[in-house]
PDB file of N, CA and C in Angstrom:
ATOM      1  N   UNK A   1       9.141  25.846 -14.970  1.00  0.00           N
ATOM      2  CA  UNK A   1       8.477  26.289 -13.759  1.00  0.00           C
ATOM      3  C   UNK A   1       7.511  25.226 -13.241  1.00  0.00           C
ATOM      4  N   UNK A   2       6.733  24.599 -14.165  1.00  0.00           N
ATOM      5  CA  UNK A   2       5.800  23.561 -13.758  1.00  0.00           C
ATOM      6  C   UNK A   2       6.539  22.368 -13.159  1.00  0.00           C
ATOM      7  N   UNK A   3       7.705  22.091 -13.708  1.00  0.00           N
ATOM      8  CA  UNK A   3       8.492  20.965 -13.209  1.00  0.00           C
ATOM      9  C   UNK A   3       8.977  21.240 -11.781  1.00  0.00           C
ATOM     10  N   UNK A   4       9.359  22.480 -11.505  1.00  0.00           N
ATOM     11  CA  UNK A   4       9.795  22.858 -10.166  1.00  0.00           C
ATOM     12  C   UNK A   4       8.645  22.739  -9.165  1.00  0.00           C
ATOM     13  N   UNK A   5       7.462  23.197  -9.566  1.00  0.00           N
ATOM     14  CA  UNK A   5       6.294  23.095  -8.685  1.00  0.00           C
ATOM     15  C   UNK A   5       5.946  21.632  -8.445  1.00  0.00           C
ATOM     16  N   UNK A   6       6.027  20.807  -9.474  1.00  0.00           N
ATOM     17  CA  UNK A   6       5.775  19.379  -9.321  1.00  0.00           C
ATOM     18  C   UNK A   6       6.774  18.729  -8.377  1.00  0.00           C
ATOM     19  N   UNK A   7       8.029  19.133  -8.468  1.00  0.00           N
ATOM     20  CA  UNK A   7       9.056  18.605  -7.575  1.00  0.00           C
ATOM     21  C   UNK A   7       8.793  19.031  -6.133  1.00  0.00           C
ATOM     22  N   UNK A   8       8.402  20.290  -5.936  1.00  0.00           N
ATOM     23  CA  UNK A   8       8.093  20.767  -4.589  1.00  0.00           C
ATOM     24  C   UNK A   8       6.879  20.046  -4.003  1.00  0.00           C
ATOM     25  N   UNK A   9       5.872  19.772  -4.822  1.00  0.00           N
ATOM     26  CA  UNK A   9       4.705  19.037  -4.350  1.00  0.00           C
ATOM     27  C   UNK A   9       5.084  17.613  -3.940  1.00  0.00           C
ATOM     28  N   UNK A  10       5.944  16.978  -4.726  1.00  0.00           N
ATOM     29  CA  UNK A  10       6.394  15.627  -4.402  1.00  0.00           C
ATOM     30  C   UNK A  10       7.195  15.624  -3.106  1.00  0.00           C
ATOM     31  N   UNK A  11       8.061  16.614  -2.929  1.00  0.00           N
ATOM     32  CA  UNK A  11       8.836  16.695  -1.697  1.00  0.00           C
ATOM     33  C   UNK A  11       7.937  16.950  -0.487  1.00  0.00           C
ATOM     34  N   UNK A  12       6.904  17.772  -0.649  1.00  0.00           N
ATOM     35  CA  UNK A  12       5.966  18.028   0.443  1.00  0.00           C
ATOM     36  C   UNK A  12       5.196  16.758   0.808  1.00  0.00           C
ATOM     37  N   UNK A  13       4.757  16.022  -0.191  1.00  0.00           N
ATOM     38  CA  UNK A  13       4.049  14.765   0.067  1.00  0.00           C
ATOM     39  C   UNK A  13       4.955  13.766   0.779  1.00  0.00           C
ATOM     40  N   UNK A  14       6.216  13.685   0.356  1.00  0.00           N
ATOM     41  CA  UNK A  14       7.165  12.774   1.000  1.00  0.00           C
ATOM     42  C   UNK A  14       7.410  13.193   2.448  1.00  0.00           C
ATOM     43  N   UNK A  15       7.537  14.491   2.693  1.00  0.00           N
ATOM     44  CA  UNK A  15       7.756  14.966   4.060  1.00  0.00           C
ATOM     45  C   UNK A  15       6.562  14.647   4.954  1.00  0.00           C
ATOM     46  N   UNK A  16       5.355  14.829   4.435  1.00  0.00           N
ATOM     47  CA  UNK A  16       4.155  14.492   5.213  1.00  0.00           C
ATOM     48  C   UNK A  16       4.103  12.997   5.493  1.00  0.00           C
ATOM     49  N   UNK A  17       4.404  12.190   4.492  1.00  0.00           N
ATOM     50  CA  UNK A  17       4.390  10.742   4.676  1.00  0.00           C
ATOM     51  C   UNK A  17       5.385  10.313   5.751  1.00  0.00           C
ATOM     52  N   UNK A  18       6.617  10.798   5.663  1.00  0.00           N
ATOM     53  CA  UNK A  18       7.626  10.386   6.637  1.00  0.00           C
ATOM     54  C   UNK A  18       7.331  10.917   8.038  1.00  0.00           C
ATOM     55  N   UNK A  19       6.707  12.084   8.132  1.00  0.00           N
ATOM     56  CA  UNK A  19       6.294  12.597   9.443  1.00  0.00           C
ATOM     57  C   UNK A  19       5.237  11.691  10.061  1.00  0.00           C
ATOM     58  N   UNK A  20       4.247  11.306   9.273  1.00  0.00           N
ATOM     59  CA  UNK A  20       3.208  10.409   9.777  1.00  0.00           C
ATOM     60  C   UNK A  20       3.759   9.022  10.083  1.00  0.00           C
ATOM     61  N   UNK A  21       4.706   8.570   9.275  1.00  0.00           N
ATOM     62  CA  UNK A  21       5.330   7.265   9.510  1.00  0.00           C
ATOM     63  C   UNK A  21       6.110   7.288  10.824  1.00  0.00           C
ATOM     64  N   UNK A  22       6.846   8.368  11.077  1.00  0.00           N
ATOM     65  CA  UNK A  22       7.579   8.493  12.338  1.00  0.00           C
ATOM     66  C   UNK A  22       6.612   8.574  13.514  1.00  0.00           C
ATOM     67  N   UNK A  23       5.478   9.263  13.339  1.00  0.00           N
ATOM     68  CA  UNK A  23       4.452   9.310  14.380  1.00  0.00           C
ATOM     69  C   UNK A  23       3.956   7.905  14.702  1.00  0.00           C
ATOM     70  N   UNK A  24       3.718   7.114  13.666  1.00  0.00           N
ATOM     71  CA  UNK A  24       3.232   5.749  13.873  1.00  0.00           C
ATOM     72  C   UNK A  24       4.279   4.898  14.589  1.00  0.00           C
ATOM     73  N   UNK A  25       5.538   5.066  14.238  1.00  0.00           N
ATOM     74  CA  UNK A  25       6.592   4.279  14.887  1.00  0.00           C
ATOM     75  C   UNK A  25       6.777   4.679  16.345  1.00  0.00           C
ATOM     76  N   UNK A  26       6.575   5.954  16.657  1.00  0.00           N
ATOM     77  CA  UNK A  26       6.749   6.428  18.027  1.00  0.00           C
ATOM     78  C   UNK A  26       5.553   6.128  18.926  1.00  0.00           C
ATOM     79  N   UNK A  27       4.428   5.734  18.347  1.00  0.00           N
ATOM     80  CA  UNK A  27       3.214   5.499  19.126  1.00  0.00           C
ATOM     81  C   UNK A  27       2.730   4.060  18.973  1.00  0.00           C
ATOM     82  N   UNK A  28       3.596   3.132  19.329  1.00  0.00           N
ATOM     83  CA  UNK A  28       3.233   1.723  19.240  1.00  0.00           C
ATOM     84  C   UNK A  28       2.788   1.166  20.584  1.00  0.00           C
ATOM     85  N   UNK A  29       2.719   1.997  21.597  1.00  0.00           N
ATOM     86  CA  UNK A  29       2.284   1.535  22.895  1.00  0.00           C
ATOM     87  C   UNK A  29       0.821   1.121  22.842  1.00  0.00           C
ATOM     88  N   UNK A  30       0.484   0.115  23.647  1.00  0.00           N
ATOM     89  CA  UNK A  30      -0.902  -0.328  23.706  1.00  0.00           C
ATOM     90  C   UNK A  30      -1.736   0.645  24.513  1.00  0.00           C
ATOM     91  N   UNK A  31      -2.943   0.879  24.031  1.00  0.00           N
ATOM     92  CA  UNK A  31      -3.907   1.705  24.747  1.00  0.00           C
ATOM     93  C   UNK A  31      -5.181   0.885  24.924  1.00  0.00           C
ATOM     94  N   UNK A  32      -5.978   1.309  25.870  1.00  0.00           N
ATOM     95  CA  UNK A  32      -7.252   0.650  26.116  1.00  0.00           C
ATOM     96  C   UNK A  32      -8.367   1.641  25.842  1.00  0.00           C
ATOM     97  N   UNK A  33      -9.243   1.262  24.938  1.00  0.00           N
ATOM     98  CA  UNK A  33     -10.417   2.063  24.649  1.00  0.00           C
ATOM     99  C   UNK A  33     -11.581   1.384  25.360  1.00  0.00           C
ATOM    100  N   UNK A  34     -12.209   2.111  26.281  1.00  0.00           N
ATOM    101  CA  UNK A  34     -13.301   1.543  27.062  1.00  0.00           C
ATOM    102  C   UNK A  34     -14.633   1.993  26.484  1.00  0.00           C
ATOM    103  N   UNK A  35     -15.433   1.009  26.086  1.00  0.00           N
ATOM    104  CA  UNK A  35     -16.774   1.265  25.572  1.00  0.00           C
ATOM    105  C   UNK A  35     -17.774   1.086  26.709  1.00  0.00           C
ATOM    106  N   UNK A  36     -19.043   1.097  26.374  1.00  0.00           N
ATOM    107  CA  UNK A  36     -20.095   0.915  27.369  1.00  0.00           C
ATOM    108  C   UNK A  36     -20.186  -0.549  27.802  1.00  0.00           C
ATOM    109  N   UNK A  37     -20.744  -0.763  28.968  1.00  0.00           N
ATOM    110  CA  UNK A  37     -21.026  -2.081  29.520  1.00  0.00           C
ATOM    111  C   UNK A  37     -19.772  -2.919  29.724  1.00  0.00           C
ATOM    112  N   UNK A  38     -18.666  -2.276  30.046  1.00  0.00           N
ATOM    113  CA  UNK A  38     -17.440  -2.991  30.376  1.00  0.00           C
ATOM    114  C   UNK A  38     -16.665  -3.553  29.193  1.00  0.00           C
ATOM    115  N   UNK A  39     -17.061  -3.193  27.984  1.00  0.00           N
ATOM    116  CA  UNK A  39     -16.349  -3.670  26.794  1.00  0.00           C
ATOM    117  C   UNK A  39     -15.082  -2.837  26.615  1.00  0.00           C
ATOM    118  N   UNK A  40     -13.964  -3.506  26.352  1.00  0.00           N
ATOM    119  CA  UNK A  40     -12.684  -2.824  26.156  1.00  0.00           C
ATOM    120  C   UNK A  40     -12.034  -3.296  24.865  1.00  0.00           C
ATOM    121  N   UNK A  41     -11.220  -2.413  24.308  1.00  0.00           N
ATOM    122  CA  UNK A  41     -10.450  -2.754  23.112  1.00  0.00           C
ATOM    123  C   UNK A  41      -9.002  -2.376  23.389  1.00  0.00           C
ATOM    124  N   UNK A  42      -8.109  -3.352  23.327  1.00  0.00           N
ATOM    125  CA  UNK A  42      -6.679  -3.130  23.527  1.00  0.00           C
ATOM    126  C   UNK A  42      -6.019  -3.141  22.153  1.00  0.00           C
ATOM    127  N   UNK A  43      -5.313  -2.063  21.832  1.00  0.00           N
ATOM    128  CA  UNK A  43      -4.705  -1.951  20.516  1.00  0.00           C
ATOM    129  C   UNK A  43      -3.594  -0.903  20.567  1.00  0.00           C
ATOM    130  N   UNK A  44      -2.655  -0.948  19.598  1.00  0.00           N
ATOM    131  CA  UNK A  44      -1.652   0.124  19.517  1.00  0.00           C
ATOM    132  C   UNK A  44      -2.326   1.473  19.240  1.00  0.00           C
ATOM    133  N   UNK A  45      -1.752   2.528  19.779  1.00  0.00           N
ATOM    134  CA  UNK A  45      -2.332   3.861  19.652  1.00  0.00           C
ATOM    135  C   UNK A  45      -2.528   4.265  18.197  1.00  0.00           C
ATOM    136  N   UNK A  46      -1.589   3.922  17.349  1.00  0.00           N
ATOM    137  CA  UNK A  46      -1.694   4.338  15.955  1.00  0.00           C
ATOM    138  C   UNK A  46      -2.921   3.705  15.296  1.00  0.00           C
ATOM    139  N   UNK A  47      -3.296   2.492  15.687  1.00  0.00           N
ATOM    140  CA  UNK A  47      -4.499   1.877  15.118  1.00  0.00           C
ATOM    141  C   UNK A  47      -5.767   2.558  15.632  1.00  0.00           C
ATOM    142  N   UNK A  48      -5.736   2.998  16.877  1.00  0.00           N
ATOM    143  CA  UNK A  48      -6.889   3.719  17.421  1.00  0.00           C
ATOM    144  C   UNK A  48      -7.068   5.045  16.676  1.00  0.00           C
ATOM    145  N   UNK A  49      -5.975   5.750  16.433  1.00  0.00           N
ATOM    146  CA  UNK A  49      -6.052   7.015  15.697  1.00  0.00           C
ATOM    147  C   UNK A  49      -6.529   6.766  14.270  1.00  0.00           C
ATOM    148  N   UNK A  50      -6.006   5.717  13.624  1.00  0.00           N
ATOM    149  CA  UNK A  50      -6.426   5.374  12.267  1.00  0.00           C
ATOM    150  C   UNK A  50      -7.908   5.011  12.232  1.00  0.00           C
ATOM    151  N   UNK A  51      -8.380   4.252  13.211  1.00  0.00           N
ATOM    152  CA  UNK A  51      -9.800   3.882  13.267  1.00  0.00           C
ATOM    153  C   UNK A  51     -10.680   5.112  13.460  1.00  0.00           C
ATOM    154  N   UNK A  52     -10.255   6.049  14.309  1.00  0.00           N
ATOM    155  CA  UNK A  52     -11.029   7.275  14.517  1.00  0.00           C
ATOM    156  C   UNK A  52     -11.081   8.102  13.237  1.00  0.00           C
ATOM    157  N   UNK A  53      -9.968   8.186  12.512  1.00  0.00           N
ATOM    158  CA  UNK A  53      -9.937   8.912  11.246  1.00  0.00           C
ATOM    159  C   UNK A  53     -10.862   8.260  10.227  1.00  0.00           C
ATOM    160  N   UNK A  54     -10.788   6.924  10.111  1.00  0.00           N
ATOM    161  CA  UNK A  54     -11.627   6.211   9.149  1.00  0.00           C
ATOM    162  C   UNK A  54     -13.106   6.361   9.493  1.00  0.00           C
ATOM    163  N   UNK A  55     -13.440   6.323  10.778  1.00  0.00           N
ATOM    164  CA  UNK A  55     -14.827   6.503  11.187  1.00  0.00           C
ATOM    165  C   UNK A  55     -15.322   7.910  10.851  1.00  0.00           C
ATOM    166  N   UNK A  56     -14.510   8.914  11.089  1.00  0.00           N
ATOM    167  CA  UNK A  56     -14.885  10.288  10.754  1.00  0.00           C
ATOM    168  C   UNK A  56     -15.045  10.485   9.258  1.00  0.00           C
ATOM    169  N   UNK A  57     -14.155   9.890   8.490  1.00  0.00           N
ATOM    170  CA  UNK A  57     -14.241   9.977   7.039  1.00  0.00           C
ATOM    171  C   UNK A  57     -15.519   9.314   6.537  1.00  0.00           C
ATOM    172  N   UNK A  58     -15.821   8.144   7.072  1.00  0.00           N
ATOM    173  CA  UNK A  58     -17.025   7.417   6.664  1.00  0.00           C
ATOM    174  C   UNK A  58     -18.283   8.202   7.007  1.00  0.00           C
ATOM    175  N   UNK A  59     -18.348   8.746   8.216  1.00  0.00           N
ATOM    176  CA  UNK A  59     -19.517   9.529   8.608  1.00  0.00           C
ATOM    177  C   UNK A  59     -19.659  10.787   7.753  1.00  0.00           C
ATOM    178  N   UNK A  60     -18.548  11.417   7.405  1.00  0.00           N
ATOM    179  CA  UNK A  60     -18.599  12.602   6.545  1.00  0.00           C
ATOM    180  C   UNK A  60     -19.125  12.285   5.159  1.00  0.00           C
ATOM    181  N   UNK A  61     -18.663  11.186   4.583  1.00  0.00           N
ATOM    182  CA  UNK A  61     -19.126  10.788   3.248  1.00  0.00           C
ATOM    183  C   UNK A  61     -20.608  10.422   3.296  1.00  0.00           C
ATOM    184  N   UNK A  62     -21.001   9.648   4.307  1.00  0.00           N
ATOM    185  CA  UNK A  62     -22.408   9.251   4.414  1.00  0.00           C
ATOM    186  C   UNK A  62     -23.331  10.442   4.635  1.00  0.00           C
ATOM    187  N   UNK A  63     -22.855  11.466   5.320  1.00  0.00           N
ATOM    188  CA  UNK A  63     -23.691  12.643   5.528  1.00  0.00           C
ATOM    189  C   UNK A  63     -23.865  13.449   4.244  1.00  0.00           C
ATOM    190  N   UNK A  64     -22.964  13.281   3.274  1.00  0.00           N
ATOM    191  CA  UNK A  64     -23.057  14.007   2.010  1.00  0.00           C
ATOM    192  C   UNK A  64     -23.895  13.277   0.959  1.00  0.00           C
ATOM    193  N   UNK A  65     -24.173  11.987   1.164  1.00  0.00           N
ATOM    194  CA  UNK A  65     -24.881  11.201   0.151  1.00  0.00           C
ATOM    195  C   UNK A  65     -26.240  11.795  -0.212  1.00  0.00           C
ATOM    196  N   UNK A  66     -27.101  12.187   0.739  1.00  0.00           N
ATOM    197  CA  UNK A  66     -28.393  12.757   0.323  1.00  0.00           C
ATOM    198  C   UNK A  66     -28.248  13.993  -0.563  1.00  0.00           C
ATOM    199  N   UNK A  67     -27.290  14.851  -0.265  1.00  0.00           N
ATOM    200  CA  UNK A  67     -27.095  16.045  -1.103  1.00  0.00           C
ATOM    201  C   UNK A  67     -26.613  15.654  -2.502  1.00  0.00           C
ATOM    202  N   UNK A  68     -25.713  14.672  -2.581  1.00  0.00           N
ATOM    203  CA  UNK A  68     -25.238  14.214  -3.890  1.00  0.00           C
ATOM    204  C   UNK A  68     -26.401  13.673  -4.711  1.00  0.00           C
ATOM    205  N   UNK A  69     -27.302  12.905  -4.061  1.00  0.00           N
ATOM    206  CA  UNK A  69     -28.453  12.366  -4.772  1.00  0.00           C
ATOM    207  C   UNK A  69     -29.361  13.486  -5.274  1.00  0.00           C
ATOM    208  N   UNK A  70     -29.623  14.502  -4.443  1.00  0.00           N
ATOM    209  CA  UNK A  70     -30.455  15.622  -4.874  1.00  0.00           C
ATOM    210  C   UNK A  70     -29.831  16.333  -6.075  1.00  0.00           C
ATOM    211  N   UNK A  71     -28.526  16.589  -5.996  1.00  0.00           N
ATOM    212  CA  UNK A  71     -27.840  17.271  -7.101  1.00  0.00           C
ATOM    213  C   UNK A  71     -27.874  16.432  -8.372  1.00  0.00           C
ATOM    214  N   UNK A  72     -27.712  15.136  -8.234  1.00  0.00           N
ATOM    215  CA  UNK A  72     -27.713  14.252  -9.405  1.00  0.00           C
ATOM    216  C   UNK A  72     -29.096  14.219 -10.045  1.00  0.00           C
ATOM    217  N   UNK A  73     -30.143  14.125  -9.212  1.00  0.00           N
ATOM    218  CA  UNK A  73     -31.508  14.137  -9.744  1.00  0.00           C
ATOM    219  C   UNK A  73     -31.804  15.454 -10.444  1.00  0.00           C
ATOM    220  N   UNK A  74     -31.362  16.553  -9.862  1.00  0.00           N
ATOM    221  CA  UNK A  74     -31.595  17.860 -10.478  1.00  0.00           C
ATOM    222  C   UNK A  74     -30.859  17.964 -11.815  1.00  0.00           C
ATOM    223  N   UNK A  75     -29.648  17.449 -11.877  1.00  0.00           N
ATOM    224  CA  UNK A  75     -28.882  17.494 -13.135  1.00  0.00           C
ATOM    225  C   UNK A  75     -29.534  16.620 -14.200  1.00  0.00           C
ATOM    226  N   UNK A  76     -30.016  15.440 -13.800  1.00  0.00           N
ATOM    227  CA  UNK A  76     -30.689  14.566 -14.765  1.00  0.00           C
ATOM    228  C   UNK A  76     -31.997  15.182 -15.246  1.00  0.00           C
ATOM    229  N   UNK A  77     -32.717  15.817 -14.324  1.00  0.00           N
ATOM    230  CA  UNK A  77     -33.976  16.465 -14.687  1.00  0.00           C
ATOM    231  C   UNK A  77     -33.721  17.620 -15.653  1.00  0.00           C
ATOM    232  N   UNK A  78     -32.662  18.384 -15.405  1.00  0.00           N
ATOM    233  CA  UNK A  78     -32.324  19.504 -16.282  1.00  0.00           C
ATOM    234  C   UNK A  78     -31.894  19.015 -17.656  1.00  0.00           C
ATOM    235  N   UNK A  79     -31.272  17.847 -17.720  1.00  0.00           N
ATOM    236  CA  UNK A  79     -30.851  17.294 -19.004  1.00  0.00           C
ATOM    237  C   UNK A  79     -32.037  16.765 -19.795  1.00  0.00           C
ATOM    238  N   UNK A  80     -33.037  16.221 -19.116  1.00  0.00           N
ATOM    239  CA  UNK A  80     -34.155  15.601 -19.813  1.00  0.00           C
ATOM    240  C   UNK A  80     -35.170  16.623 -20.324  1.00  0.00           C
ATOM    241  N   UNK A  81     -35.190  17.829 -19.771  1.00  0.00           N
ATOM    242  CA  UNK A  81     -36.115  18.869 -20.224  1.00  0.00           C
ATOM    243  C   UNK A  81     -35.561  19.467 -21.506  1.00  0.00           C
ATOM    244  N   UNK A  82     -36.377  19.466 -22.590  1.00  0.00           N
ATOM    245  CA  UNK A  82     -35.853  20.050 -23.840  1.00  0.00           C
ATOM    246  C   UNK A  82     -35.678  21.557 -23.706  1.00  0.00           C
ATOM    247  N   UNK A  83     -34.627  22.020 -24.291  1.00  0.00           N
ATOM    248  CA  UNK A  83     -34.336  23.455 -24.252  1.00  0.00           C
ATOM    249  C   UNK A  83     -35.280  24.188 -25.191  1.00  0.00           C
ATOM    250  N   UNK A  84     -35.681  25.404 -24.852  1.00  0.00           N
ATOM    251  CA  UNK A  84     -36.554  26.167 -25.755  1.00  0.00           C
ATOM    252  C   UNK A  84     -35.813  26.490 -27.048  1.00  0.00           C
ATOM    253  N   UNK A  85     -36.552  26.478 -28.136  1.00  0.00           N
ATOM    254  CA  UNK A  85     -35.952  26.731 -29.450  1.00  0.00           C
ATOM    255  C   UNK A  85     -35.918  28.234 -29.685  1.00  0.00           C
ATOM    256  N   UNK A  86     -34.714  28.731 -29.954  1.00  0.00           N
ATOM    257  CA  UNK A  86     -34.531  30.150 -30.247  1.00  0.00           C
ATOM    258  C   UNK A  86     -34.244  30.284 -31.730  1.00  0.00           C
ATOM    259  N   UNK A  87     -34.855  31.248 -32.369  1.00  0.00           N
ATOM    260  CA  UNK A  87     -34.528  31.445 -33.791  1.00  0.00           C
ATOM    261  C   UNK A  87     -33.068  31.867 -33.941  1.00  0.00           C
ATOM    262  N   UNK A  88     -32.453  31.394 -35.008  1.00  0.00           N
ATOM    263  CA  UNK A  88     -31.036  31.701 -35.197  1.00  0.00           C
ATOM    264  C   UNK A  88     -30.819  33.183 -35.474  1.00  0.00           C
ATOM    265  N   UNK A  89     -31.677  33.790 -36.244  1.00  0.00           N
ATOM    266  CA  UNK A  89     -31.592  35.238 -36.437  1.00  0.00           C
ATOM    267  C   UNK A  89     -32.997  35.801 -36.200  1.00  0.00           C
ATOM    268  N   UNK A  90     -33.149  36.603 -35.161  1.00  0.00           N
ATOM    269  CA  UNK A  90     -34.491  37.031 -34.776  1.00  0.00           C
ATOM    270  C   UNK A  90     -35.234  37.791 -35.873  1.00  0.00           C
ATOM    271  N   UNK A  91     -34.698  38.862 -36.349  1.00  0.00           N
ATOM    272  CA  UNK A  91     -35.339  39.643 -37.414  1.00  0.00           C
ATOM    273  C   UNK A  91     -34.228  40.276 -38.241  1.00  0.00           C
ATOM    274  N   UNK A  92     -34.477  40.401 -39.509  1.00  0.00           N
ATOM    275  CA  UNK A  92     -33.462  41.113 -40.307  1.00  0.00           C
ATOM    276  C   UNK A  92     -33.403  42.578 -39.893  1.00  0.00           C
ATOM    277  N   UNK A  93     -32.236  43.158 -39.951  1.00  0.00           N
ATOM    278  CA  UNK A  93     -32.134  44.573 -39.564  1.00  0.00           C
ATOM    279  C   UNK A  93     -32.964  45.459 -40.493  1.00  0.00           C
ATOM    280  N   UNK A  94     -33.617  46.428 -39.883  1.00  0.00           N
ATOM    281  CA  UNK A  94     -34.446  47.344 -40.683  1.00  0.00           C
ATOM    282  C   UNK A  94     -33.611  48.547 -41.119  1.00  0.00           C
ATOM    283  N   UNK A  95     -33.799  48.922 -42.357  1.00  0.00           N
ATOM    284  CA  UNK A  95     -33.110  50.097 -42.880  1.00  0.00           C
ATOM    285  C   UNK A  95     -34.114  51.220 -43.005  1.00  0.00           C
ATOM    286  N   UNK A  96     -33.871  52.287 -42.351  1.00  0.00           N
ATOM    287  CA  UNK A  96     -34.795  53.413 -42.419  1.00  0.00           C
ATOM    288  C   UNK A  96     -34.520  54.285 -43.631  1.00  0.00           C
ATOM    289  N   UNK A  97     -35.557  54.724 -44.332  1.00  0.00           N
ATOM    290  CA  UNK A  97     -35.394  55.614 -45.487  1.00  0.00           C
ATOM    291  C   UNK A  97     -36.026  56.940 -45.252  1.00  0.00           C
TER     292      UNK A  97
END
């Protein structure tokens, strides 16, 4: 069963790859991206889409860095604080007579 699921995952990844590859081949036309002050960038559409994706990914990762640092500091602080010592057996059981 695990082998079948692994095969299906591989086929899904291959299908996604070939779909994106066909998208890239179909979108090789040049586009013009106009920035401020008359600056322009002429490039194939697929590179513009790739650049936008990479920029979004970079901004997303950079926005998470402060939270990662806070979590890491908290984990290190929790590790450095000694745990309270608990007796292994609190009290022997009492037998009533």
